[in-house]
Amino acid sequence: MSIPYAFAVELPQPLPAAIDTLRAALTAEQMGIVSEVDVQATLKAKLGLDSPPQRLLGVCSPAIAHALMDAEPDIAALLPCGCGVSEREPGRTRIVLQDPRAIGALATQPGVRPACERAHAALRRVVDRLEAVSSTTAADATSA
């Protein structure tokens, strides 16, 4: 399923392992997770709801964030880029990463779009790494 504002990939891993895999893929692009919200725990504590494991992550590249805020300081309201990670069925985790082009489309300052394009390209490589892990893990499972 294609989402116009995000990249999406599924990993045949439980949520904690998928977040570790994501973290490694982000690190390869000099990006990282700067914030994390445990949605499952929050929904339970605040609303008494049971839900599958789910996290909201703030994903960022310090260099790109600096370039964006230098070009348009108020763009800080849109940073860090959002990421949702959810384990809807045991051992299968979906990761959705905001496409920075969604931010770039809103901006009026000339320096914003090039930085968003750099971030888009980096996140595309992250997703490619995740898809490679997914393919390798799936192939290993079928040969076992």
N, C-alpha and C. Protein backbone atom coordinates (compact mmCIF):
# COMPACT_ATOMS: atom_id res chain seq x y z
N MET A 1 0.85 -1.18 0.00
CA MET A 1 0.00 0.00 0.00
C MET A 1 0.89 1.24 0.00
N SER A 2 0.67 2.13 -0.94
CA SER A 2 1.44 3.36 -1.05
C SER A 2 0.75 4.47 -0.25
N ILE A 3 1.56 5.21 0.49
CA ILE A 3 1.07 6.33 1.28
C ILE A 3 1.75 7.58 0.74
N PRO A 4 1.00 8.62 0.38
CA PRO A 4 1.63 9.79 -0.26
C PRO A 4 2.54 10.60 0.67
N TYR A 5 2.45 10.44 1.96
CA TYR A 5 3.22 11.25 2.90
C TYR A 5 4.22 10.43 3.72
N ALA A 6 4.37 9.14 3.40
CA ALA A 6 5.25 8.31 4.22
C ALA A 6 5.78 7.12 3.43
N PHE A 7 6.91 6.62 3.92
CA PHE A 7 7.45 5.34 3.47
C PHE A 7 6.92 4.29 4.43
N ALA A 8 6.64 3.09 3.93
CA ALA A 8 6.15 2.01 4.81
C ALA A 8 6.88 0.72 4.46
N VAL A 9 7.19 -0.04 5.50
CA VAL A 9 7.84 -1.33 5.32
C VAL A 9 7.42 -2.23 6.48
N GLU A 10 7.32 -3.52 6.20
CA GLU A 10 7.00 -4.48 7.26
C GLU A 10 8.20 -5.40 7.47
N LEU A 11 8.49 -5.64 8.74
CA LEU A 11 9.59 -6.54 9.10
C LEU A 11 9.03 -7.75 9.82
N PRO A 12 9.53 -8.93 9.50
CA PRO A 12 9.10 -10.13 10.22
C PRO A 12 9.85 -10.26 11.55
N GLN A 13 9.69 -9.24 12.38
CA GLN A 13 10.35 -9.17 13.68
C GLN A 13 9.37 -8.60 14.71
N PRO A 14 9.54 -8.96 15.97
CA PRO A 14 8.75 -8.30 17.01
C PRO A 14 9.19 -6.83 17.12
N LEU A 15 8.35 -6.02 17.71
CA LEU A 15 8.59 -4.58 17.76
C LEU A 15 9.96 -4.18 18.31
N PRO A 16 10.42 -4.71 19.45
CA PRO A 16 11.74 -4.27 19.94
C PRO A 16 12.87 -4.56 18.95
N ALA A 17 12.86 -5.72 18.33
CA ALA A 17 13.89 -6.07 17.34
C ALA A 17 13.77 -5.17 16.11
N ALA A 18 12.55 -4.87 15.69
CA ALA A 18 12.34 -4.00 14.53
C ALA A 18 12.87 -2.59 14.80
N ILE A 19 12.68 -2.10 16.02
CA ILE A 19 13.21 -0.78 16.36
C ILE A 19 14.74 -0.82 16.35
N ASP A 20 15.34 -1.89 16.82
CA ASP A 20 16.80 -2.03 16.76
C ASP A 20 17.29 -2.05 15.31
N THR A 21 16.56 -2.76 14.46
CA THR A 21 16.91 -2.82 13.03
C THR A 21 16.77 -1.44 12.40
N LEU A 22 15.69 -0.73 12.74
CA LEU A 22 15.49 0.63 12.24
C LEU A 22 16.62 1.54 12.72
N ARG A 23 16.95 1.45 13.99
CA ARG A 23 18.00 2.30 14.56
C ARG A 23 19.32 2.10 13.80
N ALA A 24 19.67 0.85 13.49
CA ALA A 24 20.91 0.57 12.75
C ALA A 24 20.85 1.16 11.35
N ALA A 25 19.70 1.04 10.69
CA ALA A 25 19.55 1.59 9.33
C ALA A 25 19.64 3.12 9.35
N LEU A 26 19.07 3.73 10.37
CA LEU A 26 19.16 5.20 10.51
C LEU A 26 20.59 5.64 10.78
N THR A 27 21.28 4.92 11.64
CA THR A 27 22.66 5.26 11.99
C THR A 27 23.56 5.26 10.76
N ALA A 28 23.31 4.34 9.84
CA ALA A 28 24.09 4.28 8.60
C ALA A 28 23.93 5.55 7.77
N GLU A 29 22.86 6.29 8.01
CA GLU A 29 22.59 7.54 7.29
C GLU A 29 22.84 8.78 8.17
N GLN A 30 23.54 8.58 9.28
CA GLN A 30 23.81 9.66 10.24
C GLN A 30 22.52 10.28 10.76
N MET A 31 21.53 9.41 10.98
CA MET A 31 20.25 9.81 11.53
C MET A 31 20.04 9.02 12.82
N GLY A 32 19.03 9.40 13.56
CA GLY A 32 18.76 8.67 14.78
C GLY A 32 17.36 8.91 15.30
N ILE A 33 17.03 8.20 16.36
CA ILE A 33 15.75 8.35 17.05
C ILE A 33 16.00 9.28 18.22
N VAL A 34 15.32 10.43 18.22
CA VAL A 34 15.54 11.44 19.25
C VAL A 34 14.43 11.48 20.30
N SER A 35 13.32 10.80 20.01
CA SER A 35 12.23 10.74 20.99
C SER A 35 11.43 9.47 20.75
N GLU A 36 10.77 9.00 21.81
CA GLU A 36 9.98 7.77 21.71
C GLU A 36 8.80 7.84 22.67
N VAL A 37 7.63 7.52 22.16
CA VAL A 37 6.42 7.46 22.96
C VAL A 37 5.88 6.03 22.88
N ASP A 38 5.68 5.42 24.01
CA ASP A 38 5.09 4.07 24.08
C ASP A 38 3.57 4.24 24.03
N VAL A 39 3.01 4.12 22.84
CA VAL A 39 1.57 4.34 22.65
C VAL A 39 0.76 3.30 23.43
N GLN A 40 1.19 2.06 23.40
CA GLN A 40 0.48 0.99 24.10
C GLN A 40 0.36 1.33 25.59
N ALA A 41 1.47 1.72 26.22
CA ALA A 41 1.45 2.05 27.65
C ALA A 41 0.63 3.30 27.92
N THR A 42 0.73 4.29 27.05
CA THR A 42 -0.02 5.54 27.23
C THR A 42 -1.52 5.30 27.13
N LEU A 43 -1.95 4.53 26.13
CA LEU A 43 -3.37 4.24 25.99
C LEU A 43 -3.91 3.47 27.19
N LYS A 44 -3.09 2.57 27.71
CA LYS A 44 -3.50 1.79 28.89
C LYS A 44 -3.61 2.71 30.11
N ALA A 45 -2.59 3.53 30.34
CA ALA A 45 -2.56 4.39 31.52
C ALA A 45 -3.59 5.51 31.47
N LYS A 46 -3.77 6.12 30.31
CA LYS A 46 -4.63 7.30 30.21
C LYS A 46 -6.08 6.98 29.89
N LEU A 47 -6.30 5.90 29.12
CA LEU A 47 -7.66 5.59 28.67
C LEU A 47 -8.14 4.21 29.08
N GLY A 48 -7.26 3.42 29.70
CA GLY A 48 -7.64 2.07 30.10
C GLY A 48 -7.82 1.12 28.93
N LEU A 49 -7.23 1.46 27.78
CA LEU A 49 -7.40 0.65 26.57
C LEU A 49 -6.24 -0.33 26.39
N ASP A 50 -6.58 -1.54 25.98
CA ASP A 50 -5.56 -2.51 25.58
C ASP A 50 -5.34 -2.36 24.09
N SER A 51 -4.08 -2.35 23.68
CA SER A 51 -3.75 -2.19 22.26
C SER A 51 -2.48 -2.97 21.97
N PRO A 52 -2.23 -3.22 20.69
CA PRO A 52 -0.99 -3.92 20.33
C PRO A 52 0.23 -3.03 20.61
N PRO A 53 1.42 -3.62 20.68
CA PRO A 53 2.63 -2.82 20.87
C PRO A 53 2.78 -1.78 19.75
N GLN A 54 3.01 -0.55 20.16
CA GLN A 54 3.13 0.54 19.19
C GLN A 54 3.97 1.66 19.78
N ARG A 55 4.83 2.26 18.94
CA ARG A 55 5.64 3.39 19.36
C ARG A 55 5.52 4.51 18.33
N LEU A 56 5.59 5.73 18.81
CA LEU A 56 5.77 6.90 17.95
C LEU A 56 7.20 7.36 18.17
N LEU A 57 7.95 7.50 17.10
CA LEU A 57 9.36 7.87 17.19
C LEU A 57 9.60 9.19 16.48
N GLY A 58 10.49 9.99 17.03
CA GLY A 58 10.97 11.18 16.35
C GLY A 58 12.30 10.84 15.70
N VAL A 59 12.36 10.94 14.38
CA VAL A 59 13.56 10.58 13.63
C VAL A 59 14.19 11.87 13.12
N CYS A 60 15.52 11.95 13.25
CA CYS A 60 16.17 13.21 12.89
C CYS A 60 17.60 13.00 12.42
N SER A 61 18.04 13.89 11.58
CA SER A 61 19.44 14.05 11.21
C SER A 61 19.84 15.43 11.71
N PRO A 62 20.81 15.51 12.61
CA PRO A 62 21.19 16.83 13.11
C PRO A 62 21.58 17.81 11.99
N ALA A 63 22.31 17.34 11.00
CA ALA A 63 22.74 18.23 9.91
C ALA A 63 21.55 18.73 9.10
N ILE A 64 20.63 17.84 8.80
CA ILE A 64 19.47 18.25 8.01
C ILE A 64 18.54 19.14 8.84
N ALA A 65 18.33 18.79 10.11
CA ALA A 65 17.49 19.63 10.97
C ALA A 65 18.08 21.04 11.08
N HIS A 66 19.40 21.13 11.22
CA HIS A 66 20.05 22.44 11.29
C HIS A 66 19.82 23.22 10.00
N ALA A 67 20.01 22.56 8.86
CA ALA A 67 19.80 23.24 7.57
C ALA A 67 18.36 23.74 7.44
N LEU A 68 17.42 22.92 7.86
CA LEU A 68 16.01 23.31 7.77
C LEU A 68 15.71 24.51 8.67
N MET A 69 16.15 24.44 9.93
CA MET A 69 15.85 25.53 10.87
C MET A 69 16.64 26.80 10.55
N ASP A 70 17.79 26.64 9.90
CA ASP A 70 18.54 27.81 9.45
C ASP A 70 17.78 28.51 8.32
N ALA A 71 17.21 27.72 7.42
CA ALA A 71 16.46 28.29 6.30
C ALA A 71 15.11 28.87 6.73
N GLU A 72 14.47 28.20 7.68
CA GLU A 72 13.14 28.62 8.12
C GLU A 72 12.96 28.21 9.59
N PRO A 73 13.30 29.09 10.53
CA PRO A 73 13.29 28.73 11.95
C PRO A 73 11.97 28.13 12.44
N ASP A 74 10.86 28.59 11.95
CA ASP A 74 9.56 28.08 12.43
C ASP A 74 9.26 26.66 11.96
N ILE A 75 10.08 26.13 11.07
CA ILE A 75 9.87 24.75 10.63
C ILE A 75 10.12 23.78 11.77
N ALA A 76 10.68 24.28 12.86
CA ALA A 76 10.87 23.45 14.05
C ALA A 76 9.57 22.82 14.52
N ALA A 77 8.45 23.46 14.20
CA ALA A 77 7.14 22.90 14.58
C ALA A 77 6.86 21.57 13.88
N LEU A 78 7.56 21.28 12.80
CA LEU A 78 7.35 20.04 12.04
C LEU A 78 8.45 19.01 12.28
N LEU A 79 9.39 19.32 13.14
CA LEU A 79 10.51 18.42 13.39
C LEU A 79 10.41 17.81 14.79
N PRO A 80 10.98 16.66 15.06
CA PRO A 80 11.63 15.77 14.11
C PRO A 80 10.59 15.08 13.22
N CYS A 81 11.06 14.42 12.20
CA CYS A 81 10.14 13.69 11.31
C CYS A 81 9.52 12.53 12.09
N GLY A 82 8.25 12.30 11.84
CA GLY A 82 7.52 11.27 12.56
C GLY A 82 7.73 9.88 12.00
N CYS A 83 7.65 8.94 12.91
CA CYS A 83 7.76 7.52 12.56
C CYS A 83 6.83 6.74 13.46
N GLY A 84 6.05 5.86 12.88
CA GLY A 84 5.19 4.98 13.65
C GLY A 84 5.66 3.54 13.49
N VAL A 85 5.71 2.82 14.61
CA VAL A 85 6.13 1.42 14.59
C VAL A 85 5.08 0.63 15.35
N SER A 86 4.47 -0.35 14.69
CA SER A 86 3.40 -1.11 15.36
C SER A 86 3.50 -2.59 15.01
N GLU A 87 3.27 -3.39 16.04
CA GLU A 87 3.27 -4.84 15.89
C GLU A 87 1.82 -5.30 15.95
N ARG A 88 1.16 -5.32 14.79
CA ARG A 88 -0.26 -5.65 14.71
C ARG A 88 -0.54 -7.13 14.90
N GLU A 89 0.44 -7.94 14.56
CA GLU A 89 0.35 -9.38 14.84
C GLU A 89 1.71 -9.81 15.38
N PRO A 90 1.74 -10.77 16.27
CA PRO A 90 3.00 -11.15 16.90
C PRO A 90 4.10 -11.48 15.88
N GLY A 91 5.25 -10.83 16.06
CA GLY A 91 6.39 -11.10 15.20
C GLY A 91 6.38 -10.39 13.87
N ARG A 92 5.43 -9.51 13.64
CA ARG A 92 5.34 -8.78 12.37
C ARG A 92 5.13 -7.29 12.68
N THR A 93 6.10 -6.47 12.33
CA THR A 93 6.07 -5.05 12.69
C THR A 93 6.06 -4.18 11.45
N ARG A 94 5.16 -3.21 11.44
CA ARG A 94 5.05 -2.23 10.35
C ARG A 94 5.72 -0.93 10.80
N ILE A 95 6.56 -0.40 9.94
CA ILE A 95 7.24 0.87 10.19
C ILE A 95 6.80 1.85 9.11
N VAL A 96 6.33 3.02 9.54
CA VAL A 96 6.00 4.10 8.60
C VAL A 96 6.85 5.32 8.98
N LEU A 97 7.53 5.85 8.00
CA LEU A 97 8.42 7.00 8.18
C LEU A 97 7.90 8.17 7.34
N GLN A 98 7.69 9.29 7.99
CA GLN A 98 7.24 10.48 7.29
C GLN A 98 8.19 10.83 6.15
N ASP A 99 7.64 11.11 4.99
CA ASP A 99 8.45 11.55 3.86
C ASP A 99 8.72 13.05 4.04
N PRO A 100 9.97 13.45 4.16
CA PRO A 100 10.27 14.87 4.35
C PRO A 100 9.77 15.77 3.22
N ARG A 101 9.46 15.19 2.09
CA ARG A 101 8.89 16.00 1.01
C ARG A 101 7.55 16.61 1.42
N ALA A 102 6.86 15.98 2.37
CA ALA A 102 5.61 16.54 2.87
C ALA A 102 5.87 17.87 3.56
N ILE A 103 6.99 17.98 4.26
CA ILE A 103 7.38 19.24 4.89
C ILE A 103 7.80 20.24 3.81
N GLY A 104 8.61 19.78 2.89
CA GLY A 104 9.11 20.65 1.82
C GLY A 104 8.00 21.27 1.01
N ALA A 105 6.92 20.54 0.81
CA ALA A 105 5.80 21.05 0.03
C ALA A 105 5.11 22.22 0.71
N LEU A 106 5.24 22.31 2.03
CA LEU A 106 4.60 23.40 2.78
C LEU A 106 5.47 24.65 2.88
N ALA A 107 6.75 24.50 2.67
CA ALA A 107 7.69 25.57 2.94
C ALA A 107 7.76 26.60 1.82
N THR A 108 8.11 27.82 2.20
CA THR A 108 8.25 28.90 1.22
C THR A 108 9.70 29.37 1.08
N GLN A 109 10.55 29.08 2.06
CA GLN A 109 11.94 29.53 2.01
C GLN A 109 12.75 28.63 1.08
N PRO A 110 13.62 29.20 0.27
CA PRO A 110 14.34 28.42 -0.74
C PRO A 110 15.25 27.32 -0.19
N GLY A 111 15.79 27.44 1.00
CA GLY A 111 16.70 26.44 1.53
C GLY A 111 16.03 25.19 2.07
N VAL A 112 14.70 25.22 2.19
CA VAL A 112 13.99 24.10 2.81
C VAL A 112 13.90 22.89 1.87
N ARG A 113 13.51 23.11 0.66
CA ARG A 113 13.30 21.97 -0.26
C ARG A 113 14.57 21.15 -0.50
N PRO A 114 15.73 21.78 -0.71
CA PRO A 114 16.93 20.95 -0.89
C PRO A 114 17.24 20.08 0.34
N ALA A 115 17.05 20.63 1.53
CA ALA A 115 17.30 19.84 2.74
C ALA A 115 16.29 18.70 2.85
N CYS A 116 15.05 18.97 2.48
CA CYS A 116 14.03 17.91 2.51
C CYS A 116 14.33 16.83 1.47
N GLU A 117 14.87 17.22 0.34
CA GLU A 117 15.25 16.23 -0.68
C GLU A 117 16.40 15.35 -0.17
N ARG A 118 17.37 15.96 0.55
CA ARG A 118 18.46 15.17 1.14
C ARG A 118 17.89 14.17 2.15
N ALA A 119 16.97 14.65 2.98
CA ALA A 119 16.36 13.76 3.98
C ALA A 119 15.54 12.67 3.30
N HIS A 120 14.82 13.01 2.25
CA HIS A 120 14.03 12.02 1.50
C HIS A 120 14.95 10.92 0.97
N ALA A 121 16.05 11.32 0.35
CA ALA A 121 16.99 10.34 -0.21
C ALA A 121 17.57 9.45 0.89
N ALA A 122 17.92 10.04 2.03
CA ALA A 122 18.48 9.25 3.14
C ALA A 122 17.44 8.26 3.66
N LEU A 123 16.20 8.71 3.84
CA LEU A 123 15.16 7.80 4.34
C LEU A 123 14.81 6.73 3.31
N ARG A 124 14.91 7.04 2.03
CA ARG A 124 14.70 6.02 1.00
C ARG A 124 15.74 4.92 1.15
N ARG A 125 17.00 5.31 1.44
CA ARG A 125 18.05 4.31 1.65
C ARG A 125 17.79 3.51 2.93
N VAL A 126 17.26 4.16 3.97
CA VAL A 126 16.90 3.46 5.20
C VAL A 126 15.86 2.40 4.89
N VAL A 127 14.82 2.77 4.15
CA VAL A 127 13.76 1.83 3.79
C VAL A 127 14.32 0.69 2.93
N ASP A 128 15.22 1.02 2.02
CA ASP A 128 15.85 -0.03 1.21
C ASP A 128 16.59 -1.03 2.10
N ARG A 129 17.30 -0.53 3.12
CA ARG A 129 17.99 -1.42 4.06
C ARG A 129 16.99 -2.29 4.82
N LEU A 130 15.91 -1.67 5.27
CA LEU A 130 14.89 -2.43 6.00
C LEU A 130 14.26 -3.49 5.12
N GLU A 131 13.99 -3.16 3.87
CA GLU A 131 13.41 -4.14 2.95
C GLU A 131 14.38 -5.29 2.70
N ALA A 132 15.68 -4.99 2.64
CA ALA A 132 16.67 -6.05 2.47
C ALA A 132 16.68 -6.97 3.69
N VAL A 133 16.58 -6.40 4.88
CA VAL A 133 16.51 -7.21 6.10
C VAL A 133 15.26 -8.07 6.08
N SER A 134 14.15 -7.47 5.66
CA SER A 134 12.88 -8.19 5.60
C SER A 134 12.98 -9.37 4.64
N SER A 135 13.58 -9.15 3.48
CA SER A 135 13.73 -10.22 2.48
C SER A 135 14.65 -11.32 2.99
N THR A 136 15.75 -10.94 3.63
CA THR A 136 16.70 -11.92 4.16
C THR A 136 16.06 -12.73 5.28
N THR A 137 15.35 -12.06 6.18
CA THR A 137 14.70 -12.75 7.29
C THR A 137 13.62 -13.71 6.78
N ALA A 138 12.86 -13.26 5.79
CA ALA A 138 11.82 -14.11 5.22
C ALA A 138 12.44 -15.33 4.51
N ALA A 139 13.55 -15.10 3.79
CA ALA A 139 14.21 -16.21 3.11
C ALA A 139 14.79 -17.20 4.12
N ASP A 140 15.34 -16.69 5.20
CA ASP A 140 15.87 -17.58 6.25
C ASP A 140 14.76 -18.41 6.87
N ALA A 141 13.61 -17.82 7.06
CA ALA A 141 12.48 -18.53 7.68
C ALA A 141 11.97 -19.65 6.78
N THR A 142 11.98 -19.44 5.46
CA THR A 142 11.48 -20.47 4.55
C THR A 142 12.48 -21.61 4.37
N SER A 143 13.78 -21.31 4.56
CA SER A 143 14.77 -22.37 4.39
C SER A 143 14.98 -23.18 5.68
N ALA A 144 14.44 -22.71 6.77
CA ALA A 144 14.63 -23.42 8.05
C ALA A 144 13.72 -24.61 8.19
